[in-house]
């Protein structure tokens, strides 16, 4: 199973900034075949095509979108459709990020609609799950993760699993500089793996589980060495081309 290295730029970078980043990263990786890793860059909507164009001839580097509306078109002001995203080269869709859950008030049920629709539209889907500090302190980690998995994956078939990725992001670690300990990550990823196997059977072992939460070049290697960590979802450290290159090569 390849390690999946994902950059989530959130609401950062103009098209010019995105192009500079992509060209610099491409040049720095020119002599490094990414045979054991797959890289995904998820820019804001306005910069997706710019980044996709730079990496159009590069193996194992693709682009994703931070959101999707579960329809091909229609009267949904402010939303973006599968047809539009496919048209500009998107391969991956991010769903259920904690900022969408908390700030945009997206429910587990609506996130599930997005997951099912994106899979039907032949995208690969990264479903984000994770607990807040209050939920962790109340010892509700398993309860929260099980709810997000059970509700977020309703209707997903075994045949969809090769297109499904899970990303565990402890909400209390996102953008804070705090990183869960290796022991905490190992325990939590094991909980997630067992739940996926319980839902889908042995094929649940094929699903990649990423860790996200203040991932940087200096901790990436140790994170990837933890059992059931099959990649990382990187926020702030992915905004600098040199920093993200170091994470890719870790």
C-alpha atoms as a PDB file:
ATOM      1  CA  UNK A   1       0.000   0.000   0.000  1.00  0.00           C
ATOM      2  CA  UNK A   2       1.460   3.358  -1.053  1.00  0.00           C
ATOM      3  CA  UNK A   3       1.669   6.205   1.425  1.00  0.00           C
ATOM      4  CA  UNK A   4      -0.699   9.003   0.458  1.00  0.00           C
ATOM      5  CA  UNK A   5       0.609  12.531   1.101  1.00  0.00           C
ATOM      6  CA  UNK A   6      -2.175  15.123   0.880  1.00  0.00           C
ATOM      7  CA  UNK A   7      -1.876  18.920   0.994  1.00  0.00           C
ATOM      8  CA  UNK A   8      -4.995  20.820   2.049  1.00  0.00           C
ATOM      9  CA  UNK A   9      -4.416  24.488   1.295  1.00  0.00           C
ATOM     10  CA  UNK A  10      -7.784  25.590   2.696  1.00  0.00           C
ATOM     11  CA  UNK A  11      -8.430  29.272   1.838  1.00  0.00           C
ATOM     12  CA  UNK A  12      -4.900  30.200   0.771  1.00  0.00           C
ATOM     13  CA  UNK A  13      -3.060  31.162  -2.439  1.00  0.00           C
ATOM     14  CA  UNK A  14      -3.966  33.089  -5.563  1.00  0.00           C
ATOM     15  CA  UNK A  15      -3.497  31.461  -8.975  1.00  0.00           C
ATOM     16  CA  UNK A  16      -0.092  33.103  -9.363  1.00  0.00           C
ATOM     17  CA  UNK A  17       1.026  31.885  -5.931  1.00  0.00           C
ATOM     18  CA  UNK A  18      -0.286  28.413  -6.677  1.00  0.00           C
ATOM     19  CA  UNK A  19       1.580  28.287  -9.985  1.00  0.00           C
ATOM     20  CA  UNK A  20       4.836  29.388  -8.339  1.00  0.00           C
ATOM     21  CA  UNK A  21       4.421  26.694  -5.674  1.00  0.00           C
ATOM     22  CA  UNK A  22       3.603  23.951  -8.184  1.00  0.00           C
ATOM     23  CA  UNK A  23       6.472  24.785 -10.516  1.00  0.00           C
ATOM     24  CA  UNK A  24       8.942  24.938  -7.634  1.00  0.00           C
ATOM     25  CA  UNK A  25       7.734  21.617  -6.204  1.00  0.00           C
ATOM     26  CA  UNK A  26       7.788  19.945  -9.607  1.00  0.00           C
ATOM     27  CA  UNK A  27      11.348  21.101 -10.231  1.00  0.00           C
ATOM     28  CA  UNK A  28      12.537  19.960  -6.788  1.00  0.00           C
ATOM     29  CA  UNK A  29      11.054  16.486  -7.324  1.00  0.00           C
ATOM     30  CA  UNK A  30      12.158  16.125 -10.940  1.00  0.00           C
ATOM     31  CA  UNK A  31      14.807  13.490 -10.136  1.00  0.00           C
ATOM     32  CA  UNK A  32      12.804  11.708  -7.447  1.00  0.00           C
ATOM     33  CA  UNK A  33      10.496   8.959  -8.724  1.00  0.00           C
ATOM     34  CA  UNK A  34       7.539   8.684  -6.354  1.00  0.00           C
ATOM     35  CA  UNK A  35       7.125   4.957  -6.726  1.00  0.00           C
ATOM     36  CA  UNK A  36       6.165   4.279  -3.107  1.00  0.00           C
ATOM     37  CA  UNK A  37       4.075   7.398  -2.534  1.00  0.00           C
ATOM     38  CA  UNK A  38       1.149   9.230  -4.050  1.00  0.00           C
ATOM     39  CA  UNK A  39       0.797  12.995  -3.655  1.00  0.00           C
ATOM     40  CA  UNK A  40      -2.427  14.992  -3.777  1.00  0.00           C
ATOM     41  CA  UNK A  41      -2.640  18.780  -3.688  1.00  0.00           C
ATOM     42  CA  UNK A  42      -6.010  20.266  -2.756  1.00  0.00           C
ATOM     43  CA  UNK A  43      -6.025  24.000  -3.576  1.00  0.00           C
ATOM     44  CA  UNK A  44      -8.932  26.442  -3.347  1.00  0.00           C
ATOM     45  CA  UNK A  45     -11.299  26.130  -6.320  1.00  0.00           C
ATOM     46  CA  UNK A  46      -9.798  29.094  -8.176  1.00  0.00           C
ATOM     47  CA  UNK A  47      -6.333  27.495  -8.280  1.00  0.00           C
ATOM     48  CA  UNK A  48      -7.194  23.866  -9.047  1.00  0.00           C
ATOM     49  CA  UNK A  49      -6.814  24.115 -12.813  1.00  0.00           C
ATOM     50  CA  UNK A  50      -3.564  26.060 -12.449  1.00  0.00           C
ATOM     51  CA  UNK A  51      -2.004  23.343 -10.297  1.00  0.00           C
ATOM     52  CA  UNK A  52      -3.449  20.515 -12.406  1.00  0.00           C
ATOM     53  CA  UNK A  53      -1.902  22.018 -15.531  1.00  0.00           C
ATOM     54  CA  UNK A  54       1.578  22.146 -13.986  1.00  0.00           C
ATOM     55  CA  UNK A  55       1.438  18.498 -12.911  1.00  0.00           C
ATOM     56  CA  UNK A  56      -0.441  17.180 -15.953  1.00  0.00           C
ATOM     57  CA  UNK A  57       2.588  15.169 -17.107  1.00  0.00           C
ATOM     58  CA  UNK A  58       3.791  14.125 -13.637  1.00  0.00           C
ATOM     59  CA  UNK A  59       3.128  10.626 -12.320  1.00  0.00           C
ATOM     60  CA  UNK A  60       1.736  10.120  -8.826  1.00  0.00           C
ATOM     61  CA  UNK A  61       0.844  13.781  -8.265  1.00  0.00           C
ATOM     62  CA  UNK A  62      -2.799  14.764  -8.682  1.00  0.00           C
ATOM     63  CA  UNK A  63      -5.235  17.420  -7.506  1.00  0.00           C
ATOM     64  CA  UNK A  64      -8.328  17.377  -5.359  1.00  0.00           C
ATOM     65  CA  UNK A  65     -11.189  19.641  -4.335  1.00  0.00           C
ATOM     66  CA  UNK A  66     -12.050  20.791  -0.827  1.00  0.00           C
ATOM     67  CA  UNK A  67     -15.785  20.364  -1.330  1.00  0.00           C
ATOM     68  CA  UNK A  68     -18.496  19.147  -3.702  1.00  0.00           C
ATOM     69  CA  UNK A  69     -22.264  19.489  -3.882  1.00  0.00           C
ATOM     70  CA  UNK A  70     -24.094  16.193  -4.461  1.00  0.00           C
ATOM     71  CA  UNK A  71     -25.548  17.121  -7.843  1.00  0.00           C
ATOM     72  CA  UNK A  72     -24.238  17.473 -11.390  1.00  0.00           C
ATOM     73  CA  UNK A  73     -25.866  20.898 -11.817  1.00  0.00           C
ATOM     74  CA  UNK A  74     -28.814  22.947 -10.597  1.00  0.00           C
ATOM     75  CA  UNK A  75     -29.981  25.954  -8.609  1.00  0.00           C
ATOM     76  CA  UNK A  76     -27.433  25.691  -5.796  1.00  0.00           C
ATOM     77  CA  UNK A  77     -25.950  29.157  -5.434  1.00  0.00           C
ATOM     78  CA  UNK A  78     -22.366  29.158  -4.218  1.00  0.00           C
ATOM     79  CA  UNK A  79     -21.829  25.419  -4.688  1.00  0.00           C
ATOM     80  CA  UNK A  80     -19.712  23.451  -7.142  1.00  0.00           C
ATOM     81  CA  UNK A  81     -20.615  20.323  -9.082  1.00  0.00           C
ATOM     82  CA  UNK A  82     -18.944  17.062 -10.045  1.00  0.00           C
ATOM     83  CA  UNK A  83     -19.013  18.010 -13.729  1.00  0.00           C
ATOM     84  CA  UNK A  84     -17.205  21.283 -13.050  1.00  0.00           C
ATOM     85  CA  UNK A  85     -14.556  19.582 -10.917  1.00  0.00           C
ATOM     86  CA  UNK A  86     -13.927  16.761 -13.392  1.00  0.00           C
ATOM     87  CA  UNK A  87     -13.611  19.363 -16.140  1.00  0.00           C
ATOM     88  CA  UNK A  88     -10.588  20.975 -14.455  1.00  0.00           C
ATOM     89  CA  UNK A  89      -8.765  17.760 -13.611  1.00  0.00           C
ATOM     90  CA  UNK A  90      -9.910  16.874 -10.098  1.00  0.00           C
ATOM     91  CA  UNK A  91      -9.351  13.272  -8.968  1.00  0.00           C
ATOM     92  CA  UNK A  92      -9.943  13.507  -5.195  1.00  0.00           C
ATOM     93  CA  UNK A  93     -12.740  14.997  -3.097  1.00  0.00           C
ATOM     94  CA  UNK A  94     -12.317  15.990   0.561  1.00  0.00           C
ATOM     95  CA  UNK A  95     -15.430  15.377   2.668  1.00  0.00           C
ATOM     96  CA  UNK A  96     -16.253  15.846   6.319  1.00  0.00           C
ATOM     97  CA  UNK A  97     -13.343  18.072   7.283  1.00  0.00           C
ATOM     98  CA  UNK A  98     -13.815  19.363  10.821  1.00  0.00           C
ATOM     99  CA  UNK A  99     -13.999  22.951   9.577  1.00  0.00           C
ATOM    100  CA  UNK A 100     -16.918  21.987   7.315  1.00  0.00           C
ATOM    101  CA  UNK A 101     -18.551  20.145  10.204  1.00  0.00           C
ATOM    102  CA  UNK A 102     -18.042  22.898  12.777  1.00  0.00           C
ATOM    103  CA  UNK A 103     -18.042  26.188  10.854  1.00  0.00           C
ATOM    104  CA  UNK A 104     -20.407  25.236   8.016  1.00  0.00           C
ATOM    105  CA  UNK A 105     -22.568  23.009  10.249  1.00  0.00           C
ATOM    106  CA  UNK A 106     -22.492  20.030   7.893  1.00  0.00           C
ATOM    107  CA  UNK A 107     -24.193  16.986   9.378  1.00  0.00           C
ATOM    108  CA  UNK A 108     -23.053  13.374   9.157  1.00  0.00           C
ATOM    109  CA  UNK A 109     -26.029  12.725   6.890  1.00  0.00           C
ATOM    110  CA  UNK A 110     -25.115  15.503   4.429  1.00  0.00           C
ATOM    111  CA  UNK A 111     -21.480  14.406   4.433  1.00  0.00           C
ATOM    112  CA  UNK A 112     -22.697  10.900   3.583  1.00  0.00           C
ATOM    113  CA  UNK A 113     -24.615  12.305   0.600  1.00  0.00           C
ATOM    114  CA  UNK A 114     -21.390  13.879  -0.653  1.00  0.00           C
ATOM    115  CA  UNK A 115     -19.390  10.679  -0.127  1.00  0.00           C
ATOM    116  CA  UNK A 116     -21.893   8.530  -2.029  1.00  0.00           C
ATOM    117  CA  UNK A 117     -22.290  11.038  -4.842  1.00  0.00           C
ATOM    118  CA  UNK A 118     -18.557  11.588  -5.288  1.00  0.00           C
ATOM    119  CA  UNK A 119     -17.937   7.837  -5.400  1.00  0.00           C
ATOM    120  CA  UNK A 120     -20.719   7.424  -7.961  1.00  0.00           C
ATOM    121  CA  UNK A 121     -19.101  10.160 -10.042  1.00  0.00           C
ATOM    122  CA  UNK A 122     -15.827   8.159 -10.018  1.00  0.00           C
ATOM    123  CA  UNK A 123     -13.793  10.420  -7.735  1.00  0.00           C
ATOM    124  CA  UNK A 124     -11.605   9.131  -4.942  1.00  0.00           C
ATOM    125  CA  UNK A 125     -12.956  10.368  -1.626  1.00  0.00           C
ATOM    126  CA  UNK A 126     -11.070  11.348   1.528  1.00  0.00           C
ATOM    127  CA  UNK A 127     -13.510  11.204   4.435  1.00  0.00           C
ATOM    128  CA  UNK A 128     -12.259  13.129   7.473  1.00  0.00           C
ATOM    129  CA  UNK A 129     -13.160  12.066  10.992  1.00  0.00           C
ATOM    130  CA  UNK A 130     -11.967  13.194  14.405  1.00  0.00           C
ATOM    131  CA  UNK A 131     -12.852  14.205  17.930  1.00  0.00           C
ATOM    132  CA  UNK A 132     -12.665  17.555  19.700  1.00  0.00           C
ATOM    133  CA  UNK A 133     -10.639  18.120  22.882  1.00  0.00           C
ATOM    134  CA  UNK A 134     -13.834  18.094  24.933  1.00  0.00           C
ATOM    135  CA  UNK A 135     -14.853  14.756  23.426  1.00  0.00           C
ATOM    136  CA  UNK A 136     -11.406  13.269  24.035  1.00  0.00           C
ATOM    137  CA  UNK A 137     -11.350  14.545  27.628  1.00  0.00           C
ATOM    138  CA  UNK A 138     -14.784  12.953  28.143  1.00  0.00           C
ATOM    139  CA  UNK A 139     -13.422   9.631  26.841  1.00  0.00           C
ATOM    140  CA  UNK A 140     -15.812   9.710  23.868  1.00  0.00           C
ATOM    141  CA  UNK A 141     -13.208   9.056  21.162  1.00  0.00           C
ATOM    142  CA  UNK A 142     -14.600   5.710  20.009  1.00  0.00           C
ATOM    143  CA  UNK A 143     -18.186   6.952  20.281  1.00  0.00           C
ATOM    144  CA  UNK A 144     -17.489   9.968  18.060  1.00  0.00           C
ATOM    145  CA  UNK A 145     -15.414   8.096  15.488  1.00  0.00           C
ATOM    146  CA  UNK A 146     -17.896   5.216  15.274  1.00  0.00           C
ATOM    147  CA  UNK A 147     -20.764   7.667  14.706  1.00  0.00           C
ATOM    148  CA  UNK A 148     -18.891   9.547  11.989  1.00  0.00           C
ATOM    149  CA  UNK A 149     -17.909   6.289  10.273  1.00  0.00           C
ATOM    150  CA  UNK A 150     -21.268   4.553  10.558  1.00  0.00           C
ATOM    151  CA  UNK A 151     -23.262   7.552   9.348  1.00  0.00           C
ATOM    152  CA  UNK A 152     -20.692   8.799   6.856  1.00  0.00           C
ATOM    153  CA  UNK A 153     -20.376   5.427   5.120  1.00  0.00           C
ATOM    154  CA  UNK A 154     -24.041   4.420   4.872  1.00  0.00           C
ATOM    155  CA  UNK A 155     -24.576   2.926   1.423  1.00  0.00           C
ATOM    156  CA  UNK A 156     -20.887   2.567   0.586  1.00  0.00           C
ATOM    157  CA  UNK A 157     -20.236  -0.842  -1.006  1.00  0.00           C
ATOM    158  CA  UNK A 158     -17.202  -3.102  -0.788  1.00  0.00           C
ATOM    159  CA  UNK A 159     -16.594  -2.322  -4.460  1.00  0.00           C
ATOM    160  CA  UNK A 160     -16.104   1.358  -3.503  1.00  0.00           C
ATOM    161  CA  UNK A 161     -13.305   0.742  -1.024  1.00  0.00           C
ATOM    162  CA  UNK A 162     -10.401   1.181  -3.458  1.00  0.00           C
ATOM    163  CA  UNK A 163     -11.662   4.732  -4.018  1.00  0.00           C
ATOM    164  CA  UNK A 164     -12.151   5.471  -0.311  1.00  0.00           C
ATOM    165  CA  UNK A 165      -9.580   7.041   2.005  1.00  0.00           C
ATOM    166  CA  UNK A 166     -10.103   7.913   5.670  1.00  0.00           C
ATOM    167  CA  UNK A 167      -8.302  10.788   7.375  1.00  0.00           C
ATOM    168  CA  UNK A 168      -8.149  10.892  11.162  1.00  0.00           C
ATOM    169  CA  UNK A 169      -7.759  14.460  12.358  1.00  0.00           C
ATOM    170  CA  UNK A 170      -7.919  15.095  16.087  1.00  0.00           C
ATOM    171  CA  UNK A 171      -9.676  18.451  15.974  1.00  0.00           C
ATOM    172  CA  UNK A 172      -7.664  19.717  18.926  1.00  0.00           C
ATOM    173  CA  UNK A 173      -4.417  19.268  16.949  1.00  0.00           C
ATOM    174  CA  UNK A 174      -5.391  20.999  13.682  1.00  0.00           C
ATOM    175  CA  UNK A 175      -3.365  24.173  13.254  1.00  0.00           C
ATOM    176  CA  UNK A 176      -2.449  24.297  16.940  1.00  0.00           C
ATOM    177  CA  UNK A 177       1.072  22.888  16.761  1.00  0.00           C
ATOM    178  CA  UNK A 178      -0.050  20.043  19.014  1.00  0.00           C
ATOM    179  CA  UNK A 179       0.421  16.519  17.720  1.00  0.00           C
ATOM    180  CA  UNK A 180      -1.144  13.417  19.182  1.00  0.00           C
ATOM    181  CA  UNK A 181       1.460  11.109  20.693  1.00  0.00           C
ATOM    182  CA  UNK A 182       2.517   8.046  18.723  1.00  0.00           C
ATOM    183  CA  UNK A 183       0.731   5.933  21.325  1.00  0.00           C
ATOM    184  CA  UNK A 184      -2.495   7.924  20.905  1.00  0.00           C
ATOM    185  CA  UNK A 185      -2.250   7.744  17.110  1.00  0.00           C
ATOM    186  CA  UNK A 186      -1.567   4.011  17.135  1.00  0.00           C
ATOM    187  CA  UNK A 187      -4.510   3.346  19.454  1.00  0.00           C
ATOM    188  CA  UNK A 188      -6.899   5.555  17.490  1.00  0.00           C
ATOM    189  CA  UNK A 189      -5.916   4.230  14.064  1.00  0.00           C
ATOM    190  CA  UNK A 190      -6.322   0.696  15.394  1.00  0.00           C
ATOM    191  CA  UNK A 191      -9.841   1.600  16.563  1.00  0.00           C
ATOM    192  CA  UNK A 192     -10.625   2.971  13.098  1.00  0.00           C
ATOM    193  CA  UNK A 193      -9.169  -0.057  11.312  1.00  0.00           C
ATOM    194  CA  UNK A 194     -11.142  -2.502  13.449  1.00  0.00           C
ATOM    195  CA  UNK A 195     -14.344  -0.551  12.817  1.00  0.00           C
ATOM    196  CA  UNK A 196     -13.804  -0.521   9.051  1.00  0.00           C
ATOM    197  CA  UNK A 197     -13.140  -4.254   9.088  1.00  0.00           C
ATOM    198  CA  UNK A 198     -16.281  -4.745  11.184  1.00  0.00           C
ATOM    199  CA  UNK A 199     -18.297  -2.832   8.573  1.00  0.00           C
ATOM    200  CA  UNK A 200     -16.749  -4.211   5.390  1.00  0.00           C
ATOM    201  CA  UNK A 201     -14.995  -7.419   6.382  1.00  0.00           C
ATOM    202  CA  UNK A 202     -11.429  -8.223   5.428  1.00  0.00           C
ATOM    203  CA  UNK A 203     -11.512  -5.728   2.549  1.00  0.00           C
ATOM    204  CA  UNK A 204     -11.464  -3.037   5.224  1.00  0.00           C
ATOM    205  CA  UNK A 205      -7.738  -3.707   5.507  1.00  0.00           C
ATOM    206  CA  UNK A 206      -7.267  -2.182   2.026  1.00  0.00           C
ATOM    207  CA  UNK A 207      -8.556   1.279   3.055  1.00  0.00           C
ATOM    208  CA  UNK A 208      -5.834   3.874   3.574  1.00  0.00           C
ATOM    209  CA  UNK A 209      -6.025   5.758   6.872  1.00  0.00           C
ATOM    210  CA  UNK A 210      -4.241   9.114   6.988  1.00  0.00           C
ATOM    211  CA  UNK A 211      -3.206  11.115  10.030  1.00  0.00           C
ATOM    212  CA  UNK A 212      -3.735  14.867  10.036  1.00  0.00           C
ATOM    213  CA  UNK A 213      -2.959  17.344  12.781  1.00  0.00           C
ATOM    214  CA  UNK A 214       0.072  19.680  12.725  1.00  0.00           C
ATOM    215  CA  UNK A 215       2.036  17.374  10.411  1.00  0.00           C
ATOM    216  CA  UNK A 216       5.482  18.783   9.573  1.00  0.00           C
ATOM    217  CA  UNK A 217       8.680  17.607   7.913  1.00  0.00           C
ATOM    218  CA  UNK A 218      10.330  16.877  11.253  1.00  0.00           C
ATOM    219  CA  UNK A 219       7.563  14.567  12.524  1.00  0.00           C
ATOM    220  CA  UNK A 220       6.269  13.045   9.292  1.00  0.00           C
ATOM    221  CA  UNK A 221       8.682  10.118   9.155  1.00  0.00           C
ATOM    222  CA  UNK A 222       7.836   8.969  12.684  1.00  0.00           C
ATOM    223  CA  UNK A 223       4.106   9.379  12.016  1.00  0.00           C
ATOM    224  CA  UNK A 224       4.310   7.219   8.899  1.00  0.00           C
ATOM    225  CA  UNK A 225       6.061   4.503  10.908  1.00  0.00           C
ATOM    226  CA  UNK A 226       3.037   4.059  13.190  1.00  0.00           C
ATOM    227  CA  UNK A 227       0.901   0.989  12.514  1.00  0.00           C
ATOM    228  CA  UNK A 228      -2.176   1.679  10.346  1.00  0.00           C
ATOM    229  CA  UNK A 229      -0.931   5.136   9.336  1.00  0.00           C
ATOM    230  CA  UNK A 230      -0.927   5.002   5.535  1.00  0.00           C
ATOM    231  CA  UNK A 231      -0.256   8.657   4.840  1.00  0.00           C
ATOM    232  CA  UNK A 232      -0.765  12.182   6.116  1.00  0.00           C
ATOM    233  CA  UNK A 233      -3.121  15.092   5.548  1.00  0.00           C
ATOM    234  CA  UNK A 234      -1.077  18.284   5.789  1.00  0.00           C
ATOM    235  CA  UNK A 235      -2.405  21.772   6.419  1.00  0.00           C
ATOM    236  CA  UNK A 236      -0.166  24.765   7.140  1.00  0.00           C
ATOM    237  CA  UNK A 237       3.109  22.985   6.378  1.00  0.00           C
ATOM    238  CA  UNK A 238       1.877  22.253   2.847  1.00  0.00           C
ATOM    239  CA  UNK A 239       1.744  25.944   1.918  1.00  0.00           C
ATOM    240  CA  UNK A 240       5.513  26.186   1.454  1.00  0.00           C
ATOM    241  CA  UNK A 241       6.972  24.209  -1.463  1.00  0.00           C
ATOM    242  CA  UNK A 242      10.227  23.342   0.333  1.00  0.00           C
ATOM    243  CA  UNK A 243       8.404  22.256   3.485  1.00  0.00           C
ATOM    244  CA  UNK A 244       5.950  20.098   1.552  1.00  0.00           C
ATOM    245  CA  UNK A 245       8.776  18.575  -0.501  1.00  0.00           C
ATOM    246  CA  UNK A 246      10.514  17.555   2.722  1.00  0.00           C
ATOM    247  CA  UNK A 247       7.308  15.957   3.943  1.00  0.00           C
ATOM    248  CA  UNK A 248       6.921  14.040   0.680  1.00  0.00           C
ATOM    249  CA  UNK A 249      10.492  12.768   0.937  1.00  0.00           C
ATOM    250  CA  UNK A 250      10.311  11.937   4.656  1.00  0.00           C
END
